[in-house]
Amino acid sequence: ALSYAFCWGVGTTLTKLALSEISATTLLVIQLISSVLFLAIACYIKTRQLPFSLAALKQGIAGIFEPALA
């Protein structure tokens, strides 16, 4: 649990530092692309199917609001 809190804190700090150099929209796109690539690679390594069904997309639609609310 301590390592999770450390990673969260480091991520927040690095995001604030990055925002002083890049625009918020560019940083959002970079973060979203990198997270999707990481999850796709993790699914490939674990030989699991990517969750790109209509039901999975409906469940994830609320995630669109998360960057704007954060």
N, C-alpha and C. Protein backbone atom coordinates (compact mmCIF):
# COMPACT_ATOMS: atom_id res chain seq x y z
N ALA A 1 0.82 -1.19 0.00
CA ALA A 1 0.00 0.00 0.00
C ALA A 1 0.87 1.26 0.00
N LEU A 2 2.01 1.17 0.66
CA LEU A 2 2.90 2.33 0.71
C LEU A 2 3.48 2.64 -0.67
N SER A 3 3.80 1.59 -1.42
CA SER A 3 4.34 1.81 -2.77
C SER A 3 3.28 2.41 -3.70
N TYR A 4 2.01 2.02 -3.51
CA TYR A 4 0.94 2.61 -4.32
C TYR A 4 0.81 4.11 -4.04
N ALA A 5 0.85 4.46 -2.76
CA ALA A 5 0.76 5.87 -2.38
C ALA A 5 1.95 6.65 -2.91
N PHE A 6 3.13 6.04 -2.88
CA PHE A 6 4.33 6.69 -3.40
C PHE A 6 4.20 6.94 -4.91
N CYS A 7 3.75 5.93 -5.64
CA CYS A 7 3.59 6.07 -7.09
C CYS A 7 2.54 7.13 -7.43
N TRP A 8 1.45 7.17 -6.66
CA TRP A 8 0.41 8.17 -6.89
C TRP A 8 0.97 9.57 -6.66
N GLY A 9 1.71 9.74 -5.59
CA GLY A 9 2.31 11.05 -5.30
C GLY A 9 3.32 11.48 -6.33
N VAL A 10 4.15 10.55 -6.78
CA VAL A 10 5.14 10.86 -7.81
C VAL A 10 4.43 11.21 -9.12
N GLY A 11 3.39 10.48 -9.45
CA GLY A 11 2.65 10.76 -10.68
C GLY A 11 2.01 12.14 -10.67
N THR A 12 1.46 12.52 -9.52
CA THR A 12 0.85 13.85 -9.41
C THR A 12 1.90 14.94 -9.53
N THR A 13 3.04 14.74 -8.88
CA THR A 13 4.11 15.72 -8.94
C THR A 13 4.65 15.86 -10.36
N LEU A 14 4.87 14.73 -11.04
CA LEU A 14 5.38 14.78 -12.41
C LEU A 14 4.37 15.42 -13.36
N THR A 15 3.09 15.21 -13.11
CA THR A 15 2.07 15.84 -13.94
C THR A 15 2.11 17.36 -13.78
N LYS A 16 2.26 17.83 -12.55
CA LYS A 16 2.34 19.28 -12.33
C LYS A 16 3.59 19.86 -12.99
N LEU A 17 4.70 19.14 -12.92
CA LEU A 17 5.92 19.61 -13.58
C LEU A 17 5.75 19.63 -15.09
N ALA A 18 5.10 18.60 -15.63
CA ALA A 18 4.91 18.53 -17.08
C ALA A 18 3.98 19.63 -17.57
N LEU A 19 3.01 20.02 -16.75
CA LEU A 19 2.08 21.07 -17.16
C LEU A 19 2.76 22.42 -17.29
N SER A 20 3.91 22.59 -16.65
CA SER A 20 4.63 23.85 -16.82
C SER A 20 5.35 23.91 -18.16
N GLU A 21 5.51 22.77 -18.81
CA GLU A 21 6.21 22.71 -20.10
C GLU A 21 5.29 22.44 -21.29
N ILE A 22 4.22 21.66 -21.09
CA ILE A 22 3.34 21.27 -22.19
C ILE A 22 1.92 21.72 -21.86
N SER A 23 1.10 21.84 -22.88
CA SER A 23 -0.30 22.22 -22.65
C SER A 23 -1.06 21.05 -22.03
N ALA A 24 -2.16 21.37 -21.37
CA ALA A 24 -2.95 20.35 -20.67
C ALA A 24 -3.54 19.33 -21.65
N THR A 25 -3.96 19.80 -22.81
CA THR A 25 -4.55 18.90 -23.80
C THR A 25 -3.52 17.91 -24.34
N THR A 26 -2.33 18.39 -24.61
CA THR A 26 -1.26 17.51 -25.09
C THR A 26 -0.89 16.48 -24.04
N LEU A 27 -0.80 16.91 -22.80
CA LEU A 27 -0.47 15.98 -21.71
C LEU A 27 -1.57 14.94 -21.55
N LEU A 28 -2.83 15.34 -21.68
CA LEU A 28 -3.93 14.40 -21.59
C LEU A 28 -3.84 13.33 -22.67
N VAL A 29 -3.57 13.75 -23.90
CA VAL A 29 -3.45 12.80 -25.00
C VAL A 29 -2.27 11.85 -24.77
N ILE A 30 -1.15 12.38 -24.32
CA ILE A 30 0.03 11.54 -24.05
C ILE A 30 -0.29 10.52 -22.97
N GLN A 31 -0.94 10.94 -21.89
CA GLN A 31 -1.26 10.03 -20.80
C GLN A 31 -2.26 8.96 -21.23
N LEU A 32 -3.27 9.35 -22.00
CA LEU A 32 -4.26 8.37 -22.46
C LEU A 32 -3.66 7.35 -23.41
N ILE A 33 -2.86 7.81 -24.35
CA ILE A 33 -2.23 6.88 -25.30
C ILE A 33 -1.28 5.93 -24.59
N SER A 34 -0.49 6.45 -23.65
CA SER A 34 0.46 5.59 -22.96
C SER A 34 -0.27 4.57 -22.08
N SER A 35 -1.38 4.95 -21.46
CA SER A 35 -2.11 3.99 -20.62
C SER A 35 -2.78 2.91 -21.47
N VAL A 36 -3.34 3.29 -22.62
CA VAL A 36 -3.96 2.30 -23.49
C VAL A 36 -2.91 1.34 -24.04
N LEU A 37 -1.74 1.86 -24.42
CA LEU A 37 -0.68 0.98 -24.91
C LEU A 37 -0.20 0.03 -23.82
N PHE A 38 -0.04 0.53 -22.60
CA PHE A 38 0.39 -0.32 -21.49
C PHE A 38 -0.61 -1.44 -21.24
N LEU A 39 -1.90 -1.09 -21.21
CA LEU A 39 -2.92 -2.11 -20.96
C LEU A 39 -3.02 -3.11 -22.10
N ALA A 40 -2.84 -2.66 -23.34
CA ALA A 40 -2.87 -3.58 -24.47
C ALA A 40 -1.70 -4.54 -24.42
N ILE A 41 -0.52 -4.05 -24.05
CA ILE A 41 0.66 -4.92 -23.92
C ILE A 41 0.47 -5.90 -22.77
N ALA A 42 -0.10 -5.42 -21.65
CA ALA A 42 -0.35 -6.31 -20.51
C ALA A 42 -1.34 -7.41 -20.88
N CYS A 43 -2.38 -7.07 -21.63
CA CYS A 43 -3.34 -8.08 -22.08
C CYS A 43 -2.68 -9.06 -23.04
N TYR A 44 -1.81 -8.58 -23.89
CA TYR A 44 -1.11 -9.46 -24.83
C TYR A 44 -0.19 -10.43 -24.09
N ILE A 45 0.53 -9.94 -23.10
CA ILE A 45 1.45 -10.79 -22.33
C ILE A 45 0.66 -11.85 -21.55
N LYS A 46 -0.47 -11.45 -20.98
CA LYS A 46 -1.29 -12.39 -20.21
C LYS A 46 -2.21 -13.22 -21.09
N THR A 47 -2.09 -13.07 -22.41
CA THR A 47 -2.93 -13.75 -23.41
C THR A 47 -4.42 -13.62 -23.09
N ARG A 48 -4.83 -12.40 -22.81
CA ARG A 48 -6.24 -12.11 -22.58
C ARG A 48 -6.77 -11.25 -23.73
N GLN A 49 -8.03 -11.38 -23.97
CA GLN A 49 -8.65 -10.60 -25.04
C GLN A 49 -8.86 -9.16 -24.57
N LEU A 50 -8.61 -8.23 -25.46
CA LEU A 50 -8.83 -6.83 -25.13
C LEU A 50 -10.33 -6.57 -25.00
N PRO A 51 -10.74 -5.79 -24.00
CA PRO A 51 -12.18 -5.57 -23.77
C PRO A 51 -12.76 -4.49 -24.67
N PHE A 52 -12.88 -4.79 -25.96
CA PHE A 52 -13.40 -3.82 -26.90
C PHE A 52 -14.81 -4.20 -27.38
N SER A 53 -15.61 -4.75 -26.48
CA SER A 53 -16.98 -5.07 -26.84
C SER A 53 -17.87 -3.86 -26.56
N LEU A 54 -19.09 -3.89 -27.06
CA LEU A 54 -20.01 -2.79 -26.86
C LEU A 54 -20.36 -2.64 -25.38
N ALA A 55 -20.51 -3.75 -24.67
CA ALA A 55 -20.83 -3.69 -23.23
C ALA A 55 -19.69 -3.06 -22.44
N ALA A 56 -18.45 -3.38 -22.78
CA ALA A 56 -17.30 -2.80 -22.08
C ALA A 56 -17.18 -1.31 -22.37
N LEU A 57 -17.48 -0.91 -23.59
CA LEU A 57 -17.44 0.51 -23.93
C LEU A 57 -18.52 1.30 -23.19
N LYS A 58 -19.70 0.69 -23.03
CA LYS A 58 -20.77 1.37 -22.29
C LYS A 58 -20.37 1.54 -20.82
N GLN A 59 -19.69 0.56 -20.24
CA GLN A 59 -19.27 0.65 -18.85
C GLN A 59 -18.18 1.71 -18.68
N GLY A 60 -17.36 1.90 -19.67
CA GLY A 60 -16.25 2.84 -19.57
C GLY A 60 -16.57 4.25 -19.99
N ILE A 61 -17.80 4.52 -20.40
CA ILE A 61 -18.15 5.83 -20.91
C ILE A 61 -18.00 6.91 -19.83
N ALA A 62 -18.19 6.55 -18.57
CA ALA A 62 -18.04 7.52 -17.49
C ALA A 62 -16.58 7.94 -17.33
N GLY A 63 -15.65 7.14 -17.82
CA GLY A 63 -14.24 7.48 -17.74
C GLY A 63 -13.86 8.69 -18.59
N ILE A 64 -14.72 9.06 -19.51
CA ILE A 64 -14.46 10.24 -20.34
C ILE A 64 -14.46 11.51 -19.46
N PHE A 65 -15.31 11.50 -18.43
CA PHE A 65 -15.43 12.68 -17.58
C PHE A 65 -14.32 12.78 -16.54
N GLU A 66 -13.61 11.71 -16.28
CA GLU A 66 -12.59 11.70 -15.23
C GLU A 66 -11.48 12.72 -15.44
N PRO A 67 -10.88 12.86 -16.62
CA PRO A 67 -9.84 13.88 -16.78
C PRO A 67 -10.37 15.31 -16.58
N ALA A 68 -11.58 15.56 -17.03
CA ALA A 68 -12.13 16.91 -16.88
C ALA A 68 -12.46 17.21 -15.42
N LEU A 69 -12.94 16.23 -14.70
CA LEU A 69 -13.29 16.44 -13.29
C LEU A 69 -12.04 16.52 -12.41
N ALA A 70 -10.99 15.81 -12.82
CA ALA A 70 -9.75 15.83 -12.02
C ALA A 70 -9.07 17.16 -12.18
